[in-house]
C-alpha atoms as a PDB file:
ATOM      1  CA  MET A   1     107.965 240.560  86.542  1.00  0.00           C
ATOM      2  CA  LYS A   2     104.398 240.060  85.373  1.00  0.00           C
ATOM      3  CA  ALA A   3     102.050 243.017  85.710  1.00  0.00           C
ATOM      4  CA  SER A   4     100.105 241.259  88.473  1.00  0.00           C
ATOM      5  CA  GLU A   5     103.315 240.622  90.412  1.00  0.00           C
ATOM      6  CA  THR A   6     104.301 244.265  90.112  1.00  0.00           C
ATOM      7  CA  HIS A   7     100.895 245.376  91.372  1.00  0.00           C
ATOM      8  CA  ASP A   8     101.121 242.986  94.337  1.00  0.00           C
ATOM      9  CA  ILE A   9     104.599 244.229  95.280  1.00  0.00           C
ATOM     10  CA  VAL A  10     103.528 247.863  95.102  1.00  0.00           C
ATOM     11  CA  ARG A  11     100.336 247.205  97.093  1.00  0.00           C
ATOM     12  CA  LYS A  12     102.259 245.544  99.908  1.00  0.00           C
ATOM     13  CA  SER A  13     104.989 248.187  99.945  1.00  0.00           C
ATOM     14  CA  TYR A  14     102.550 251.076 100.163  1.00  0.00           C
ATOM     15  CA  ALA A  15     100.361 249.364 102.731  1.00  0.00           C
ATOM     16  CA  ASP A  16     103.496 248.834 104.845  1.00  0.00           C
ATOM     17  CA  MET A  17     104.585 252.459 104.370  1.00  0.00           C
ATOM     18  CA  LEU A  18     101.153 253.722 105.395  1.00  0.00           C
ATOM     19  CA  LYS A  19     101.198 251.540 108.494  1.00  0.00           C
ATOM     20  CA  LYS A  20     104.646 252.846 109.412  1.00  0.00           C
ATOM     21  CA  ALA A  21     103.528 256.460 108.934  1.00  0.00           C
ATOM     22  CA  GLN A  22     100.490 255.875 111.148  1.00  0.00           C
ATOM     23  CA  GLU A  23     102.580 254.208 113.847  1.00  0.00           C
ATOM     24  CA  GLN A  24     105.028 257.117 113.865  1.00  0.00           C
ATOM     25  CA  GLY A  25     102.179 259.579 114.294  1.00  0.00           C
ATOM     26  CA  SER A  26     101.600 261.691 111.225  1.00  0.00           C
ATOM     27  CA  CYS A  27      99.731 264.301 113.255  1.00  0.00           C
ATOM     28  CA  CYS A  28     102.996 265.749 114.508  1.00  0.00           C
ATOM     29  CA  ALA A  29     104.640 266.763 111.254  1.00  0.00           C
ATOM     30  CA  THR A  30     104.374 266.531 107.519  1.00  0.00           C
ATOM     31  CA  SER A  31     106.294 263.568 106.133  1.00  0.00           C
ATOM     32  CA  PRO A  32     109.798 264.233 104.729  1.00  0.00           C
ATOM     33  CA  THR A  33     108.628 263.195 101.275  1.00  0.00           C
ATOM     34  CA  ALA A  34     105.733 265.638 101.400  1.00  0.00           C
ATOM     35  CA  LYS A  35     108.129 268.434 102.378  1.00  0.00           C
ATOM     36  CA  LEU A  36     110.420 267.512  99.491  1.00  0.00           C
ATOM     37  CA  ALA A  37     107.403 267.568  97.195  1.00  0.00           C
ATOM     38  CA  GLY A  38     106.733 271.212  98.015  1.00  0.00           C
ATOM     39  CA  TYR A  39     103.749 270.900 100.350  1.00  0.00           C
ATOM     40  CA  GLY A  40     105.568 272.746 103.134  1.00  0.00           C
ATOM     41  CA  ASP A  41     105.369 272.255 106.878  1.00  0.00           C
ATOM     42  CA  SER A  42     101.794 273.339 107.491  1.00  0.00           C
ATOM     43  CA  ALA A  43      99.833 271.265 109.965  1.00  0.00           C
ATOM     44  CA  LYS A  44      96.749 271.618 107.794  1.00  0.00           C
ATOM     45  CA  HIS A  45      95.581 268.224 106.531  1.00  0.00           C
ATOM     46  CA  SER A  46      98.408 266.718 108.594  1.00  0.00           C
ATOM     47  CA  GLU A  47      96.915 263.226 108.652  1.00  0.00           C
ATOM     48  CA  ALA A  48      96.827 263.049 104.859  1.00  0.00           C
ATOM     49  CA  ALA A  49     100.188 264.801 104.549  1.00  0.00           C
ATOM     50  CA  GLY A  50     101.789 262.237 106.827  1.00  0.00           C
ATOM     51  CA  ALA A  51     100.732 259.531 104.382  1.00  0.00           C
ATOM     52  CA  SER A  52     101.900 261.472 101.328  1.00  0.00           C
ATOM     53  CA  LEU A  53     104.510 259.620  99.300  1.00  0.00           C
ATOM     54  CA  GLY A  54     104.542 261.931  96.308  1.00  0.00           C
ATOM     55  CA  CYS A  55     107.339 263.743  94.489  1.00  0.00           C
ATOM     56  CA  GLY A  56     105.544 266.971  93.593  1.00  0.00           C
ATOM     57  CA  ASN A  57     102.468 269.057  94.268  1.00  0.00           C
ATOM     58  CA  PRO A  58     100.458 268.706  91.040  1.00  0.00           C
ATOM     59  CA  VAL A  59      97.620 271.056  91.993  1.00  0.00           C
ATOM     60  CA  ALA A  60      99.754 273.942  93.240  1.00  0.00           C
ATOM     61  CA  PHE A  61      99.434 275.831  89.946  1.00  0.00           C
ATOM     62  CA  ALA A  62      96.880 273.694  88.162  1.00  0.00           C
ATOM     63  CA  GLY A  63      94.294 276.391  87.586  1.00  0.00           C
ATOM     64  CA  VAL A  64      91.503 274.189  88.880  1.00  0.00           C
ATOM     65  CA  ARG A  65      88.282 276.221  89.042  1.00  0.00           C
ATOM     66  CA  GLU A  66      85.117 276.025  91.072  1.00  0.00           C
ATOM     67  CA  GLY A  67      82.758 273.429  89.668  1.00  0.00           C
ATOM     68  CA  ASP A  68      85.478 271.371  87.966  1.00  0.00           C
ATOM     69  CA  THR A  69      85.703 267.587  88.174  1.00  0.00           C
ATOM     70  CA  VAL A  70      89.211 266.472  89.133  1.00  0.00           C
ATOM     71  CA  LEU A  71      90.580 262.924  88.939  1.00  0.00           C
ATOM     72  CA  ASP A  72      93.624 261.904  90.987  1.00  0.00           C
ATOM     73  CA  LEU A  73      95.445 258.770  89.798  1.00  0.00           C
ATOM     74  CA  GLY A  74      96.893 256.836  92.735  1.00  0.00           C
ATOM     75  CA  CYS A  75      95.456 259.116  95.390  1.00  0.00           C
ATOM     76  CA  GLY A  76      97.187 257.447  98.345  1.00  0.00           C
ATOM     77  CA  GLY A  77      96.171 258.948 101.671  1.00  0.00           C
ATOM     78  CA  GLY A  78      94.253 261.715  99.904  1.00  0.00           C
ATOM     79  CA  LEU A  79      96.323 264.871 100.398  1.00  0.00           C
ATOM     80  CA  ASP A  80      95.926 266.001  96.782  1.00  0.00           C
ATOM     81  CA  LEU A  81      92.213 265.172  96.944  1.00  0.00           C
ATOM     82  CA  LEU A  82      91.809 267.612  99.815  1.00  0.00           C
ATOM     83  CA  LEU A  83      93.808 270.322  98.065  1.00  0.00           C
ATOM     84  CA  ALA A  84      91.826 269.826  94.849  1.00  0.00           C
ATOM     85  CA  ALA A  85      88.494 269.876  96.705  1.00  0.00           C
ATOM     86  CA  GLU A  86      89.394 273.251  98.191  1.00  0.00           C
ATOM     87  CA  LYS A  87      89.790 274.571  94.644  1.00  0.00           C
ATOM     88  CA  THR A  88      86.676 272.995  93.103  1.00  0.00           C
ATOM     89  CA  GLY A  89      84.394 274.068  95.937  1.00  0.00           C
ATOM     90  CA  PRO A  90      81.155 272.263  96.800  1.00  0.00           C
ATOM     91  CA  SER A  91      79.872 272.623  93.232  1.00  0.00           C
ATOM     92  CA  GLY A  92      82.800 270.563  91.928  1.00  0.00           C
ATOM     93  CA  LYS A  93      83.781 266.940  92.319  1.00  0.00           C
ATOM     94  CA  VAL A  94      87.038 265.184  93.132  1.00  0.00           C
ATOM     95  CA  ILE A  95      87.605 261.495  92.370  1.00  0.00           C
ATOM     96  CA  GLY A  96      90.519 259.512  93.731  1.00  0.00           C
ATOM     97  CA  VAL A  97      91.547 256.098  92.411  1.00  0.00           C
ATOM     98  CA  ASP A  98      93.937 253.770  94.227  1.00  0.00           C
ATOM     99  CA  MET A  99      94.520 250.009  94.073  1.00  0.00           C
ATOM    100  CA  THR A 100      95.601 249.577  97.707  1.00  0.00           C
ATOM    101  CA  ASP A 101      92.785 248.851 100.175  1.00  0.00           C
ATOM    102  CA  GLU A 102      94.591 250.566 103.048  1.00  0.00           C
ATOM    103  CA  MET A 103      95.129 253.730 101.012  1.00  0.00           C
ATOM    104  CA  VAL A 104      91.494 253.812  99.856  1.00  0.00           C
ATOM    105  CA  LEU A 105      90.306 253.584 103.463  1.00  0.00           C
ATOM    106  CA  ALA A 106      92.804 256.221 104.601  1.00  0.00           C
ATOM    107  CA  ALA A 107      91.768 258.639 101.844  1.00  0.00           C
ATOM    108  CA  ARG A 108      88.081 258.207 102.634  1.00  0.00           C
ATOM    109  CA  ARG A 109      88.757 258.725 106.327  1.00  0.00           C
ATOM    110  CA  ASN A 110      90.840 261.858 105.693  1.00  0.00           C
ATOM    111  CA  ALA A 111      88.200 263.325 103.370  1.00  0.00           C
ATOM    112  CA  ALA A 112      85.489 262.747 105.972  1.00  0.00           C
ATOM    113  CA  ARG A 113      87.657 264.165 108.741  1.00  0.00           C
ATOM    114  CA  ALA A 114      88.299 267.304 106.678  1.00  0.00           C
ATOM    115  CA  GLY A 115      84.569 267.738 106.124  1.00  0.00           C
ATOM    116  CA  PHE A 116      84.488 267.315 102.339  1.00  0.00           C
ATOM    117  CA  ASP A 117      81.421 265.657 100.841  1.00  0.00           C
ATOM    118  CA  ASN A 118      82.454 266.215  97.210  1.00  0.00           C
ATOM    119  CA  ILE A 119      85.298 263.656  97.306  1.00  0.00           C
ATOM    120  CA  GLU A 120      84.774 260.099  96.082  1.00  0.00           C
ATOM    121  CA  VAL A 121      87.502 257.462  96.452  1.00  0.00           C
ATOM    122  CA  ARG A 122      87.297 254.415  94.193  1.00  0.00           C
ATOM    123  CA  LYS A 123      89.389 251.254  94.268  1.00  0.00           C
ATOM    124  CA  GLY A 124      90.900 250.393  90.897  1.00  0.00           C
ATOM    125  CA  LEU A 125      93.938 250.183  88.642  1.00  0.00           C
ATOM    126  CA  ILE A 126      95.160 253.236  86.797  1.00  0.00           C
ATOM    127  CA  GLU A 127      95.597 251.006  83.722  1.00  0.00           C
ATOM    128  CA  HIS A 128      91.825 250.364  83.831  1.00  0.00           C
ATOM    129  CA  LEU A 129      90.255 253.404  85.460  1.00  0.00           C
ATOM    130  CA  PRO A 130      86.775 253.000  86.997  1.00  0.00           C
ATOM    131  CA  VAL A 131      85.797 256.350  85.469  1.00  0.00           C
ATOM    132  CA  GLU A 132      83.423 257.221  82.621  1.00  0.00           C
ATOM    133  CA  ASP A 133      84.611 258.398  79.208  1.00  0.00           C
ATOM    134  CA  GLY A 134      84.952 262.157  78.785  1.00  0.00           C
ATOM    135  CA  SER A 135      83.882 262.966  82.331  1.00  0.00           C
ATOM    136  CA  VAL A 136      86.694 264.968  83.991  1.00  0.00           C
ATOM    137  CA  ASP A 137      88.080 268.476  83.596  1.00  0.00           C
ATOM    138  CA  TRP A 138      91.453 267.760  85.201  1.00  0.00           C
ATOM    139  CA  VAL A 139      93.649 264.706  85.679  1.00  0.00           C
ATOM    140  CA  ILE A 140      96.302 264.962  88.354  1.00  0.00           C
ATOM    141  CA  SER A 141      98.766 262.389  89.636  1.00  0.00           C
ATOM    142  CA  ASN A 142     101.640 262.520  92.064  1.00  0.00           C
ATOM    143  CA  CYS A 143     104.543 260.096  91.653  1.00  0.00           C
ATOM    144  CA  VAL A 144     102.363 257.113  90.712  1.00  0.00           C
ATOM    145  CA  ILE A 145     102.527 256.367  86.986  1.00  0.00           C
ATOM    146  CA  ASN A 146     106.189 255.324  87.295  1.00  0.00           C
ATOM    147  CA  LEU A 147     104.932 252.376  89.379  1.00  0.00           C
ATOM    148  CA  SER A 148     102.758 251.056  86.561  1.00  0.00           C
ATOM    149  CA  PRO A 149     104.007 248.086  84.508  1.00  0.00           C
ATOM    150  CA  ASP A 150     101.976 249.353  81.515  1.00  0.00           C
ATOM    151  CA  LYS A 151     102.418 253.094  81.176  1.00  0.00           C
ATOM    152  CA  THR A 152     101.030 253.097  77.629  1.00  0.00           C
ATOM    153  CA  ALA A 153      97.698 251.862  78.994  1.00  0.00           C
ATOM    154  CA  VAL A 154      97.740 254.556  81.680  1.00  0.00           C
ATOM    155  CA  PHE A 155      98.307 257.312  79.135  1.00  0.00           C
ATOM    156  CA  ARG A 156      95.447 255.963  77.003  1.00  0.00           C
ATOM    157  CA  GLU A 157      93.153 255.886  80.028  1.00  0.00           C
ATOM    158  CA  ILE A 158      94.020 259.480  80.894  1.00  0.00           C
ATOM    159  CA  ALA A 159      92.982 260.572  77.407  1.00  0.00           C
ATOM    160  CA  ARG A 160      89.814 258.454  77.531  1.00  0.00           C
ATOM    161  CA  VAL A 161      88.378 259.939  80.723  1.00  0.00           C
ATOM    162  CA  MET A 162      89.156 263.570  79.884  1.00  0.00           C
ATOM    163  CA  LYS A 163      86.571 265.898  78.410  1.00  0.00           C
ATOM    164  CA  PRO A 164      87.562 267.639  75.162  1.00  0.00           C
ATOM    165  CA  GLY A 165      89.766 270.558  76.195  1.00  0.00           C
ATOM    166  CA  ALA A 166      90.406 269.087  79.657  1.00  0.00           C
ATOM    167  CA  ARG A 167      93.879 269.469  81.144  1.00  0.00           C
ATOM    168  CA  PHE A 168      96.313 267.312  83.062  1.00  0.00           C
ATOM    169  CA  MET A 169      98.990 268.138  85.629  1.00  0.00           C
ATOM    170  CA  ILE A 170     101.193 265.170  86.527  1.00  0.00           C
ATOM    171  CA  SER A 171     104.210 265.115  88.826  1.00  0.00           C
ATOM    172  CA  ASP A 172     106.332 262.012  88.451  1.00  0.00           C
ATOM    173  CA  MET A 173     109.804 260.545  88.697  1.00  0.00           C
ATOM    174  CA  VAL A 174     111.830 260.247  85.517  1.00  0.00           C
ATOM    175  CA  VAL A 175     115.310 258.845  85.014  1.00  0.00           C
ATOM    176  CA  GLY A 176     118.324 258.977  82.799  1.00  0.00           C
ATOM    177  CA  ASP A 177     120.875 256.174  82.800  1.00  0.00           C
ATOM    178  CA  LEU A 178     120.647 253.759  85.742  1.00  0.00           C
ATOM    179  CA  PRO A 179     122.598 250.555  86.490  1.00  0.00           C
ATOM    180  CA  GLU A 180     120.881 247.171  86.309  1.00  0.00           C
ATOM    181  CA  VAL A 181     121.393 246.622  90.054  1.00  0.00           C
ATOM    182  CA  ILE A 182     118.918 249.462  90.656  1.00  0.00           C
ATOM    183  CA  ARG A 183     116.605 248.525  87.783  1.00  0.00           C
ATOM    184  CA  GLU A 184     116.280 244.993  89.167  1.00  0.00           C
ATOM    185  CA  SER A 185     115.685 246.024  92.782  1.00  0.00           C
ATOM    186  CA  VAL A 186     112.156 245.492  94.104  1.00  0.00           C
ATOM    187  CA  ALA A 187     112.796 248.170  96.722  1.00  0.00           C
ATOM    188  CA  ALA A 188     113.939 250.658  94.088  1.00  0.00           C
ATOM    189  CA  TRP A 189     110.756 249.953  92.092  1.00  0.00           C
ATOM    190  CA  SER A 190     108.559 250.646  95.114  1.00  0.00           C
ATOM    191  CA  ALA A 191     110.640 253.778  95.756  1.00  0.00           C
ATOM    192  CA  CYS A 192     109.540 255.130  92.334  1.00  0.00           C
ATOM    193  CA  VAL A 193     112.988 254.810  90.742  1.00  0.00           C
ATOM    194  CA  ALA A 194     113.420 251.424  89.031  1.00  0.00           C
ATOM    195  CA  GLY A 195     110.144 251.623  87.083  1.00  0.00           C
ATOM    196  CA  ALA A 196     110.593 255.216  85.953  1.00  0.00           C
ATOM    197  CA  ILE A 197     111.145 256.046  82.287  1.00  0.00           C
ATOM    198  CA  SER A 198     112.942 258.953  80.673  1.00  0.00           C
ATOM    199  CA  GLU A 199     111.401 262.395  80.390  1.00  0.00           C
ATOM    200  CA  ASN A 200     111.373 262.110  76.594  1.00  0.00           C
ATOM    201  CA  GLU A 201     109.620 258.712  76.703  1.00  0.00           C
ATOM    202  CA  TYR A 202     107.064 260.101  79.129  1.00  0.00           C
ATOM    203  CA  SER A 203     106.220 263.108  76.964  1.00  0.00           C
ATOM    204  CA  ALA A 204     106.105 260.940  73.843  1.00  0.00           C
ATOM    205  CA  GLY A 205     103.730 258.484  75.546  1.00  0.00           C
ATOM    206  CA  LEU A 206     101.319 261.267  76.456  1.00  0.00           C
ATOM    207  CA  ARG A 207     101.374 262.609  72.890  1.00  0.00           C
ATOM    208  CA  GLU A 208     100.884 259.159  71.368  1.00  0.00           C
ATOM    209  CA  ALA A 209      97.776 258.773  73.543  1.00  0.00           C
ATOM    210  CA  GLY A 210      96.303 261.762  71.704  1.00  0.00           C
ATOM    211  CA  LEU A 211      97.151 264.540  74.179  1.00  0.00           C
ATOM    212  CA  GLU A 212      98.687 267.819  73.084  1.00  0.00           C
ATOM    213  CA  ASP A 213     100.595 270.882  74.284  1.00  0.00           C
ATOM    214  CA  VAL A 214     102.666 268.489  76.406  1.00  0.00           C
ATOM    215  CA  GLU A 215     105.404 270.303  78.294  1.00  0.00           C
ATOM    216  CA  VAL A 216     107.510 270.012  81.422  1.00  0.00           C
ATOM    217  CA  SER A 217     106.966 273.086  83.559  1.00  0.00           C
ATOM    218  CA  GLU A 218     109.220 272.228  86.475  1.00  0.00           C
ATOM    219  CA  ARG A 219     112.027 269.830  87.434  1.00  0.00           C
ATOM    220  CA  LEU A 220     113.675 268.834  90.709  1.00  0.00           C
ATOM    221  CA  VAL A 221     116.914 266.901  90.216  1.00  0.00           C
ATOM    222  CA  TYR A 222     117.852 264.704  93.175  1.00  0.00           C
ATOM    223  CA  ASP A 223     121.351 264.693  94.602  1.00  0.00           C
ATOM    224  CA  ALA A 224     122.926 261.717  96.389  1.00  0.00           C
ATOM    225  CA  ALA A 225     121.543 262.662  99.814  1.00  0.00           C
ATOM    226  CA  GLN A 226     118.004 263.034  98.448  1.00  0.00           C
ATOM    227  CA  LEU A 227     118.239 259.707  96.612  1.00  0.00           C
ATOM    228  CA  ARG A 228     119.361 258.081  99.841  1.00  0.00           C
ATOM    229  CA  ALA A 229     116.277 259.509 101.592  1.00  0.00           C
ATOM    230  CA  ILE A 230     114.000 258.246  98.834  1.00  0.00           C
ATOM    231  CA  LEU A 231     115.474 254.761  98.786  1.00  0.00           C
ATOM    232  CA  SER A 232     115.727 254.608 102.614  1.00  0.00           C
ATOM    233  CA  GLU A 233     118.634 253.478 104.744  1.00  0.00           C
ATOM    234  CA  ASP A 234     118.225 249.790 103.883  1.00  0.00           C
ATOM    235  CA  ILE A 235     117.633 248.738 100.309  1.00  0.00           C
ATOM    236  CA  PRO A 236     116.391 245.133 100.060  1.00  0.00           C
ATOM    237  CA  GLY A 237     117.562 243.434  96.907  1.00  0.00           C
ATOM    238  CA  PHE A 238     120.901 245.206  96.839  1.00  0.00           C
ATOM    239  CA  ASP A 239     123.699 242.670  97.308  1.00  0.00           C
ATOM    240  CA  LEU A 240     126.094 245.483  98.197  1.00  0.00           C
ATOM    241  CA  ASP A 241     127.522 246.938 101.362  1.00  0.00           C
ATOM    242  CA  CYS A 242     126.781 250.492 102.480  1.00  0.00           C
ATOM    243  CA  ASP A 243     129.943 251.949 100.949  1.00  0.00           C
ATOM    244  CA  GLN A 244     129.111 250.421  97.572  1.00  0.00           C
ATOM    245  CA  VAL A 245     125.557 251.719  97.713  1.00  0.00           C
ATOM    246  CA  ASP A 246     126.761 255.209  98.616  1.00  0.00           C
ATOM    247  CA  GLY A 247     129.181 255.035  95.697  1.00  0.00           C
ATOM    248  CA  LEU A 248     126.347 254.164  93.334  1.00  0.00           C
ATOM    249  CA  LEU A 249     124.233 257.016  94.650  1.00  0.00           C
ATOM    250  CA  ARG A 250     127.065 259.489  94.156  1.00  0.00           C
ATOM    251  CA  GLN A 251     127.740 258.151  90.670  1.00  0.00           C
ATOM    252  CA  TYR A 252     124.141 258.395  89.513  1.00  0.00           C
ATOM    253  CA  ALA A 253     123.123 261.564  91.318  1.00  0.00           C
ATOM    254  CA  GLY A 254     121.545 263.786  88.708  1.00  0.00           C
ATOM    255  CA  SER A 255     120.112 260.802  86.808  1.00  0.00           C
ATOM    256  CA  VAL A 256     116.825 260.847  88.733  1.00  0.00           C
ATOM    257  CA  TRP A 257     114.481 263.805  88.949  1.00  0.00           C
ATOM    258  CA  SER A 258     110.835 264.689  89.405  1.00  0.00           C
ATOM    259  CA  ALA A 259     109.135 266.484  86.547  1.00  0.00           C
ATOM    260  CA  ARG A 260     105.802 268.254  86.284  1.00  0.00           C
ATOM    261  CA  PHE A 261     104.059 267.406  83.006  1.00  0.00           C
ATOM    262  CA  MET A 262     101.276 269.604  81.671  1.00  0.00           C
ATOM    263  CA  GLY A 263      99.023 269.365  78.652  1.00  0.00           C
ATOM    264  CA  ARG A 264      95.464 268.983  77.431  1.00  0.00           C
ATOM    265  CA  LYS A 265      93.064 266.902  75.391  1.00  0.00           C
ATOM    266  CA  PRO A 266      92.295 268.448  72.012  1.00  0.00           C
ATOM    267  CA  LEU A 267      88.973 270.172  71.496  1.00  0.00           C
END
């Protein structure tokens, strides 16, 4: 697929997922994906949590301080923006970037509803961030970069917008060996699996962009049941019956996991 086609597919998929979450009533409970990501069952920020489609909580141990400027790549409904804004305080600033109109509106609405006036949500591509050079103290991202058709450009953009000495905390899906039937599935791409790269490739890409002290601080390996939940009950693009799909999931359980990448921009 061309990059523009990939972006269009992801936009539509995430707009549809947001609509579904809103129709189901996200005020009642945190979404299953948000629970899996480690956000817990708290009703706090429930509207944003219901629209969370992440695979990890990148700000849980980020060390964000009051007064910091934090950038969230692919902010979605804004849950991580709210959590980051609590850490930066009113003297700090939190910027969210997302390419999906529905997500941008949802994030702005959730920030206003939570009473934060230090959150700014911008529409844009993470391959071409609408953010000034050397302007942020932290870059966070939650299960988004795997969706990009040009991860090298994303890594370069991360380095560009960071201040010298700034840090990043990125949670994302990574993969080992996967069959072509999954790699070629549009649904599996939107589910953050088909477009994912290996952990080694990911770390190498961050280093090649000029970032250092790159390490993986945490991993969550998905079993067959968790992969089924991620990919949903019906997987468009799979010309297989349910038994065959379940067999694939069992076979490749352990080949998909979420990893938390940490590092910094050199001084």
